[in-house]
Amino acid sequence: GWQLLGELTTAIRAKNPRAVIIAEELPNLDLITTPIANGGRGFDAQWGDAFHDVMRAALTGQGSPNMGAIAGVVQG
């Protein structure tokens, strides 16, 4: 799988260098967003489940829309 991720990002960049490539959440794995030339997989970002959960609650009304919680998740 690790090799496939590198091949995927390489192929996407060859087809569209301006593409933004976001990986599913892989917490504490900086190599996902490290350039391939440096041993990583070359993704631009990783999706954060904590951010997703807070945003879903705010947007769907399931739970209280707490903008402070959203800001806290974004800031890390």
PDB file of N, CA and C in Angstrom:
ATOM      1  N   GLY A   1       0.793  -1.187   0.000  1.00  0.00           N
ATOM      2  CA  GLY A   1       0.000   0.000   0.000  1.00  0.00           C
ATOM      3  C   GLY A   1       0.850   1.273   0.000  1.00  0.00           C
ATOM      4  N   TRP A   2       1.971   1.227   0.730  1.00  0.00           N
ATOM      5  CA  TRP A   2       2.826   2.406   0.829  1.00  0.00           C
ATOM      6  C   TRP A   2       3.358   2.807  -0.549  1.00  0.00           C
ATOM      7  N   GLN A   3       3.805   1.828  -1.325  1.00  0.00           N
ATOM      8  CA  GLN A   3       4.300   2.099  -2.677  1.00  0.00           C
ATOM      9  C   GLN A   3       3.169   2.638  -3.555  1.00  0.00           C
ATOM     10  N   LEU A   4       1.986   2.064  -3.439  1.00  0.00           N
ATOM     11  CA  LEU A   4       0.846   2.508  -4.231  1.00  0.00           C
ATOM     12  C   LEU A   4       0.516   3.979  -3.962  1.00  0.00           C
ATOM     13  N   LEU A   5       0.587   4.405  -2.703  1.00  0.00           N
ATOM     14  CA  LEU A   5       0.300   5.808  -2.386  1.00  0.00           C
ATOM     15  C   LEU A   5       1.264   6.743  -3.111  1.00  0.00           C
ATOM     16  N   GLY A   6       2.532   6.380  -3.152  1.00  0.00           N
ATOM     17  CA  GLY A   6       3.513   7.193  -3.866  1.00  0.00           C
ATOM     18  C   GLY A   6       3.259   7.204  -5.361  1.00  0.00           C
ATOM     19  N   GLU A   7       2.916   6.055  -5.915  1.00  0.00           N
ATOM     20  CA  GLU A   7       2.607   5.971  -7.342  1.00  0.00           C
ATOM     21  C   GLU A   7       1.369   6.797  -7.674  1.00  0.00           C
ATOM     22  N   LEU A   8       0.399   6.778  -6.785  1.00  0.00           N
ATOM     23  CA  LEU A   8      -0.836   7.535  -6.984  1.00  0.00           C
ATOM     24  C   LEU A   8      -0.558   9.040  -7.036  1.00  0.00           C
ATOM     25  N   THR A   9       0.150   9.550  -6.039  1.00  0.00           N
ATOM     26  CA  THR A   9       0.419  10.990  -6.026  1.00  0.00           C
ATOM     27  C   THR A   9       1.317  11.394  -7.190  1.00  0.00           C
ATOM     28  N   THR A  10       2.257  10.559  -7.555  1.00  0.00           N
ATOM     29  CA  THR A  10       3.123  10.847  -8.702  1.00  0.00           C
ATOM     30  C   THR A  10       2.308  10.925  -9.987  1.00  0.00           C
ATOM     31  N   ALA A  11       1.404   9.982 -10.183  1.00  0.00           N
ATOM     32  CA  ALA A  11       0.573   9.965 -11.389  1.00  0.00           C
ATOM     33  C   ALA A  11      -0.362  11.168 -11.442  1.00  0.00           C
ATOM     34  N   ILE A  12      -0.952  11.519 -10.307  1.00  0.00           N
ATOM     35  CA  ILE A  12      -1.856  12.675 -10.272  1.00  0.00           C
ATOM     36  C   ILE A  12      -1.092  13.949 -10.606  1.00  0.00           C
ATOM     37  N   ARG A  13       0.076  14.122 -10.022  1.00  0.00           N
ATOM     38  CA  ARG A  13       0.876  15.328 -10.284  1.00  0.00           C
ATOM     39  C   ARG A  13       1.334  15.402 -11.740  1.00  0.00           C
ATOM     40  N   ALA A  14       1.621  14.244 -12.347  1.00  0.00           N
ATOM     41  CA  ALA A  14       2.014  14.222 -13.759  1.00  0.00           C
ATOM     42  C   ALA A  14       0.851  14.661 -14.644  1.00  0.00           C
ATOM     43  N   LYS A  15      -0.348  14.280 -14.285  1.00  0.00           N
ATOM     44  CA  LYS A  15      -1.545  14.615 -15.063  1.00  0.00           C
ATOM     45  C   LYS A  15      -1.991  16.054 -14.808  1.00  0.00           C
ATOM     46  N   ASN A  16      -1.927  16.488 -13.535  1.00  0.00           N
ATOM     47  CA  ASN A  16      -2.382  17.826 -13.173  1.00  0.00           C
ATOM     48  C   ASN A  16      -1.553  18.346 -12.003  1.00  0.00           C
ATOM     49  N   PRO A  17      -0.471  19.066 -12.291  1.00  0.00           N
ATOM     50  CA  PRO A  17       0.406  19.557 -11.217  1.00  0.00           C
ATOM     51  C   PRO A  17      -0.278  20.490 -10.223  1.00  0.00           C
ATOM     52  N   ARG A  18      -1.418  21.060 -10.600  1.00  0.00           N
ATOM     53  CA  ARG A  18      -2.130  21.974  -9.704  1.00  0.00           C
ATOM     54  C   ARG A  18      -3.141  21.269  -8.810  1.00  0.00           C
ATOM     55  N   ALA A  19      -3.296  19.960  -8.966  1.00  0.00           N
ATOM     56  CA  ALA A  19      -4.251  19.197  -8.158  1.00  0.00           C
ATOM     57  C   ALA A  19      -3.861  19.255  -6.687  1.00  0.00           C
ATOM     58  N   VAL A  20      -4.859  19.307  -5.829  1.00  0.00           N
ATOM     59  CA  VAL A  20      -4.647  19.232  -4.382  1.00  0.00           C
ATOM     60  C   VAL A  20      -5.033  17.818  -3.969  1.00  0.00           C
ATOM     61  N   ILE A  21      -4.078  17.109  -3.377  1.00  0.00           N
ATOM     62  CA  ILE A  21      -4.280  15.704  -3.041  1.00  0.00           C
ATOM     63  C   ILE A  21      -4.370  15.573  -1.518  1.00  0.00           C
ATOM     64  N   ILE A  22      -5.524  15.085  -1.049  1.00  0.00           N
ATOM     65  CA  ILE A  22      -5.780  14.982   0.385  1.00  0.00           C
ATOM     66  C   ILE A  22      -5.963  13.515   0.753  1.00  0.00           C
ATOM     67  N   ALA A  23      -5.208  13.071   1.742  1.00  0.00           N
ATOM     68  CA  ALA A  23      -5.281  11.686   2.219  1.00  0.00           C
ATOM     69  C   ALA A  23      -6.333  11.562   3.312  1.00  0.00           C
ATOM     70  N   GLU A  24      -6.839  10.356   3.481  1.00  0.00           N
ATOM     71  CA  GLU A  24      -7.696  10.043   4.622  1.00  0.00           C
ATOM     72  C   GLU A  24      -6.864  10.219   5.877  1.00  0.00           C
ATOM     73  N   GLU A  25      -7.513  10.336   6.991  1.00  0.00           N
ATOM     74  CA  GLU A  25      -6.783  10.583   8.240  1.00  0.00           C
ATOM     75  C   GLU A  25      -5.812   9.449   8.562  1.00  0.00           C
ATOM     76  N   LEU A  26      -4.568   9.826   8.743  1.00  0.00           N
ATOM     77  CA  LEU A  26      -3.523   8.920   9.209  1.00  0.00           C
ATOM     78  C   LEU A  26      -2.767   9.682  10.288  1.00  0.00           C
ATOM     79  N   PRO A  27      -3.348   9.765  11.488  1.00  0.00           N
ATOM     80  CA  PRO A  27      -2.781  10.628  12.522  1.00  0.00           C
ATOM     81  C   PRO A  27      -1.340  10.274  12.868  1.00  0.00           C
ATOM     82  N   ASN A  28      -0.588  11.319  13.155  1.00  0.00           N
ATOM     83  CA  ASN A  28       0.796  11.181  13.590  1.00  0.00           C
ATOM     84  C   ASN A  28       1.691  10.509  12.559  1.00  0.00           C
ATOM     85  N   LEU A  29       1.337  10.641  11.291  1.00  0.00           N
ATOM     86  CA  LEU A  29       2.163  10.057  10.238  1.00  0.00           C
ATOM     87  C   LEU A  29       2.553  11.168   9.272  1.00  0.00           C
ATOM     88  N   ASP A  30       3.572  11.919   9.657  1.00  0.00           N
ATOM     89  CA  ASP A  30       4.024  13.060   8.858  1.00  0.00           C
ATOM     90  C   ASP A  30       4.499  12.660   7.466  1.00  0.00           C
ATOM     91  N   LEU A  31       4.903  11.410   7.288  1.00  0.00           N
ATOM     92  CA  LEU A  31       5.407  10.982   5.982  1.00  0.00           C
ATOM     93  C   LEU A  31       4.348  11.052   4.890  1.00  0.00           C
ATOM     94  N   ILE A  32       3.083  11.073   5.250  1.00  0.00           N
ATOM     95  CA  ILE A  32       2.021  11.184   4.244  1.00  0.00           C
ATOM     96  C   ILE A  32       2.151  12.500   3.484  1.00  0.00           C
ATOM     97  N   THR A  33       2.474  13.586   4.178  1.00  0.00           N
ATOM     98  CA  THR A  33       2.573  14.901   3.533  1.00  0.00           C
ATOM     99  C   THR A  33       4.016  15.327   3.271  1.00  0.00           C
ATOM    100  N   THR A  34       4.957  14.435   3.493  1.00  0.00           N
ATOM    101  CA  THR A  34       6.355  14.698   3.154  1.00  0.00           C
ATOM    102  C   THR A  34       6.540  14.418   1.661  1.00  0.00           C
ATOM    103  N   PRO A  35       7.289  15.255   0.950  1.00  0.00           N
ATOM    104  CA  PRO A  35       7.514  15.003  -0.485  1.00  0.00           C
ATOM    105  C   PRO A  35       8.112  13.615  -0.740  1.00  0.00           C
ATOM    106  N   ILE A  36       7.781  13.044  -1.870  1.00  0.00           N
ATOM    107  CA  ILE A  36       8.283  11.720  -2.234  1.00  0.00           C
ATOM    108  C   ILE A  36       9.811  11.721  -2.269  1.00  0.00           C
ATOM    109  N   ALA A  37      10.393  12.798  -2.748  1.00  0.00           N
ATOM    110  CA  ALA A  37      11.861  12.892  -2.820  1.00  0.00           C
ATOM    111  C   ALA A  37      12.510  12.773  -1.443  1.00  0.00           C
ATOM    112  N   ASN A  38      11.740  13.057  -0.401  1.00  0.00           N
ATOM    113  CA  ASN A  38      12.256  12.970   0.968  1.00  0.00           C
ATOM    114  C   ASN A  38      11.757  11.729   1.704  1.00  0.00           C
ATOM    115  N   GLY A  39      11.241  10.760   0.968  1.00  0.00           N
ATOM    116  CA  GLY A  39      10.802   9.505   1.572  1.00  0.00           C
ATOM    117  C   GLY A  39       9.343   9.447   1.963  1.00  0.00           C
ATOM    118  N   GLY A  40       8.595  10.515   1.691  1.00  0.00           N
ATOM    119  CA  GLY A  40       7.177  10.532   2.028  1.00  0.00           C
ATOM    120  C   GLY A  40       6.320  10.077   0.871  1.00  0.00           C
ATOM    121  N   ARG A  41       5.022  10.396   0.963  1.00  0.00           N
ATOM    122  CA  ARG A  41       4.081   9.990  -0.084  1.00  0.00           C
ATOM    123  C   ARG A  41       3.564  11.156  -0.899  1.00  0.00           C
ATOM    124  N   GLY A  42       3.878  12.388  -0.547  1.00  0.00           N
ATOM    125  CA  GLY A  42       3.602  13.533  -1.398  1.00  0.00           C
ATOM    126  C   GLY A  42       2.187  14.087  -1.384  1.00  0.00           C
ATOM    127  N   PHE A  43       1.388  13.736  -0.394  1.00  0.00           N
ATOM    128  CA  PHE A  43       0.054  14.334  -0.297  1.00  0.00           C
ATOM    129  C   PHE A  43       0.185  15.772   0.189  1.00  0.00           C
ATOM    130  N   ASP A  44      -0.800  16.602  -0.164  1.00  0.00           N
ATOM    131  CA  ASP A  44      -0.791  17.999   0.270  1.00  0.00           C
ATOM    132  C   ASP A  44      -1.343  18.175   1.678  1.00  0.00           C
ATOM    133  N   ALA A  45      -2.242  17.291   2.081  1.00  0.00           N
ATOM    134  CA  ALA A  45      -2.898  17.425   3.384  1.00  0.00           C
ATOM    135  C   ALA A  45      -3.479  16.078   3.788  1.00  0.00           C
ATOM    136  N   GLN A  46      -3.919  16.009   5.053  1.00  0.00           N
ATOM    137  CA  GLN A  46      -4.624  14.839   5.570  1.00  0.00           C
ATOM    138  C   GLN A  46      -5.950  15.294   6.162  1.00  0.00           C
ATOM    139  N   TRP A  47      -6.983  14.541   5.900  1.00  0.00           N
ATOM    140  CA  TRP A  47      -8.297  14.835   6.478  1.00  0.00           C
ATOM    141  C   TRP A  47      -8.258  14.511   7.960  1.00  0.00           C
ATOM    142  N   GLY A  48      -8.789  15.384   8.791  1.00  0.00           N
ATOM    143  CA  GLY A  48      -8.819  15.162  10.233  1.00  0.00           C
ATOM    144  C   GLY A  48     -10.211  14.769  10.705  1.00  0.00           C
ATOM    145  N   ASP A  49     -10.356  13.603  11.302  1.00  0.00           N
ATOM    146  CA  ASP A  49     -11.665  13.158  11.782  1.00  0.00           C
ATOM    147  C   ASP A  49     -12.254  14.091  12.832  1.00  0.00           C
ATOM    148  N   ALA A  50     -11.418  14.643  13.709  1.00  0.00           N
ATOM    149  CA  ALA A  50     -11.938  15.545  14.741  1.00  0.00           C
ATOM    150  C   ALA A  50     -12.591  16.767  14.085  1.00  0.00           C
ATOM    151  N   PHE A  51     -11.953  17.324  13.077  1.00  0.00           N
ATOM    152  CA  PHE A  51     -12.516  18.455  12.347  1.00  0.00           C
ATOM    153  C   PHE A  51     -13.820  18.044  11.661  1.00  0.00           C
ATOM    154  N   HIS A  52     -13.813  16.900  11.022  1.00  0.00           N
ATOM    155  CA  HIS A  52     -14.997  16.400  10.322  1.00  0.00           C
ATOM    156  C   HIS A  52     -16.177  16.247  11.273  1.00  0.00           C
ATOM    157  N   ASP A  53     -15.938  15.648  12.432  1.00  0.00           N
ATOM    158  CA  ASP A  53     -17.021  15.409  13.385  1.00  0.00           C
ATOM    159  C   ASP A  53     -17.621  16.713  13.908  1.00  0.00           C
ATOM    160  N   VAL A  54     -16.777  17.685  14.233  1.00  0.00           N
ATOM    161  CA  VAL A  54     -17.270  18.972  14.735  1.00  0.00           C
ATOM    162  C   VAL A  54     -18.014  19.719  13.639  1.00  0.00           C
ATOM    163  N   MET A  55     -17.494  19.711  12.413  1.00  0.00           N
ATOM    164  CA  MET A  55     -18.167  20.403  11.307  1.00  0.00           C
ATOM    165  C   MET A  55     -19.515  19.757  10.990  1.00  0.00           C
ATOM    166  N   ARG A  56     -19.568  18.432  10.988  1.00  0.00           N
ATOM    167  CA  ARG A  56     -20.828  17.752  10.702  1.00  0.00           C
ATOM    168  C   ARG A  56     -21.875  18.129  11.739  1.00  0.00           C
ATOM    169  N   ALA A  57     -21.498  18.157  13.003  1.00  0.00           N
ATOM    170  CA  ALA A  57     -22.435  18.534  14.060  1.00  0.00           C
ATOM    171  C   ALA A  57     -22.918  19.971  13.856  1.00  0.00           C
ATOM    172  N   ALA A  58     -22.011  20.863  13.480  1.00  0.00           N
ATOM    173  CA  ALA A  58     -22.387  22.266  13.281  1.00  0.00           C
ATOM    174  C   ALA A  58     -23.299  22.444  12.070  1.00  0.00           C
ATOM    175  N   LEU A  59     -23.024  21.707  11.002  1.00  0.00           N
ATOM    176  CA  LEU A  59     -23.771  21.893   9.758  1.00  0.00           C
ATOM    177  C   LEU A  59     -25.104  21.154   9.720  1.00  0.00           C
ATOM    178  N   THR A  60     -25.217  20.072  10.460  1.00  0.00           N
ATOM    179  CA  THR A  60     -26.451  19.286  10.418  1.00  0.00           C
ATOM    180  C   THR A  60     -27.367  19.552  11.596  1.00  0.00           C
ATOM    181  N   GLY A  61     -26.869  20.291  12.583  1.00  0.00           N
ATOM    182  CA  GLY A  61     -27.688  20.559  13.758  1.00  0.00           C
ATOM    183  C   GLY A  61     -27.679  19.422  14.753  1.00  0.00           C
ATOM    184  N   GLN A  62     -26.880  18.413  14.521  1.00  0.00           N
ATOM    185  CA  GLN A  62     -26.762  17.304  15.464  1.00  0.00           C
ATOM    186  C   GLN A  62     -25.729  17.693  16.507  1.00  0.00           C
ATOM    187  N   GLY A  63     -26.197  18.162  17.619  1.00  0.00           N
ATOM    188  CA  GLY A  63     -25.310  18.715  18.630  1.00  0.00           C
ATOM    189  C   GLY A  63     -25.342  20.231  18.501  1.00  0.00           C
ATOM    190  N   SER A  64     -24.691  20.898  19.395  1.00  0.00           N
ATOM    191  CA  SER A  64     -24.714  22.359  19.342  1.00  0.00           C
ATOM    192  C   SER A  64     -23.626  22.863  18.406  1.00  0.00           C
ATOM    193  N   PRO A  65     -23.965  23.804  17.516  1.00  0.00           N
ATOM    194  CA  PRO A  65     -22.948  24.360  16.613  1.00  0.00           C
ATOM    195  C   PRO A  65     -21.995  25.241  17.389  1.00  0.00           C
ATOM    196  N   ASN A  66     -20.927  24.675  17.858  1.00  0.00           N
ATOM    197  CA  ASN A  66     -19.975  25.364  18.708  1.00  0.00           C
ATOM    198  C   ASN A  66     -18.796  25.845  17.866  1.00  0.00           C
ATOM    199  N   MET A  67     -18.827  27.120  17.462  1.00  0.00           N
ATOM    200  CA  MET A  67     -17.769  27.663  16.626  1.00  0.00           C
ATOM    201  C   MET A  67     -16.426  27.670  17.352  1.00  0.00           C
ATOM    202  N   GLY A  68     -16.447  27.778  18.668  1.00  0.00           N
ATOM    203  CA  GLY A  68     -15.212  27.697  19.435  1.00  0.00           C
ATOM    204  C   GLY A  68     -14.562  26.324  19.295  1.00  0.00           C
ATOM    205  N   ALA A  69     -15.390  25.281  19.272  1.00  0.00           N
ATOM    206  CA  ALA A  69     -14.862  23.926  19.082  1.00  0.00           C
ATOM    207  C   ALA A  69     -14.258  23.772  17.702  1.00  0.00           C
ATOM    208  N   ILE A  70     -14.913  24.357  16.704  1.00  0.00           N
ATOM    209  CA  ILE A  70     -14.381  24.296  15.345  1.00  0.00           C
ATOM    210  C   ILE A  70     -13.037  25.013  15.283  1.00  0.00           C
ATOM    211  N   ALA A  71     -12.954  26.193  15.854  1.00  0.00           N
ATOM    212  CA  ALA A  71     -11.699  26.937  15.848  1.00  0.00           C
ATOM    213  C   ALA A  71     -10.618  26.173  16.588  1.00  0.00           C
ATOM    214  N   GLY A  72     -10.950  25.515  17.674  1.00  0.00           N
ATOM    215  CA  GLY A  72      -9.973  24.753  18.435  1.00  0.00           C
ATOM    216  C   GLY A  72      -9.435  23.562  17.646  1.00  0.00           C
ATOM    217  N   VAL A  73     -10.301  22.901  16.890  1.00  0.00           N
ATOM    218  CA  VAL A  73      -9.868  21.771  16.087  1.00  0.00           C
ATOM    219  C   VAL A  73      -8.973  22.235  14.957  1.00  0.00           C
ATOM    220  N   VAL A  74      -9.318  23.354  14.330  1.00  0.00           N
ATOM    221  CA  VAL A  74      -8.524  23.876  13.218  1.00  0.00           C
ATOM    222  C   VAL A  74      -7.139  24.296  13.693  1.00  0.00           C
ATOM    223  N   GLN A  75      -7.060  24.910  14.867  1.00  0.00           N
ATOM    224  CA  GLN A  75      -5.782  25.382  15.373  1.00  0.00           C
ATOM    225  C   GLN A  75      -4.921  24.262  15.922  1.00  0.00           C
ATOM    226  N   GLY A  76      -5.509  23.116  16.141  1.00  0.00           N
ATOM    227  CA  GLY A  76      -4.734  21.963  16.575  1.00  0.00           C
ATOM    228  C   GLY A  76      -4.696  21.821  18.021  1.00  0.00           C
TER     229      GLY A  76
END
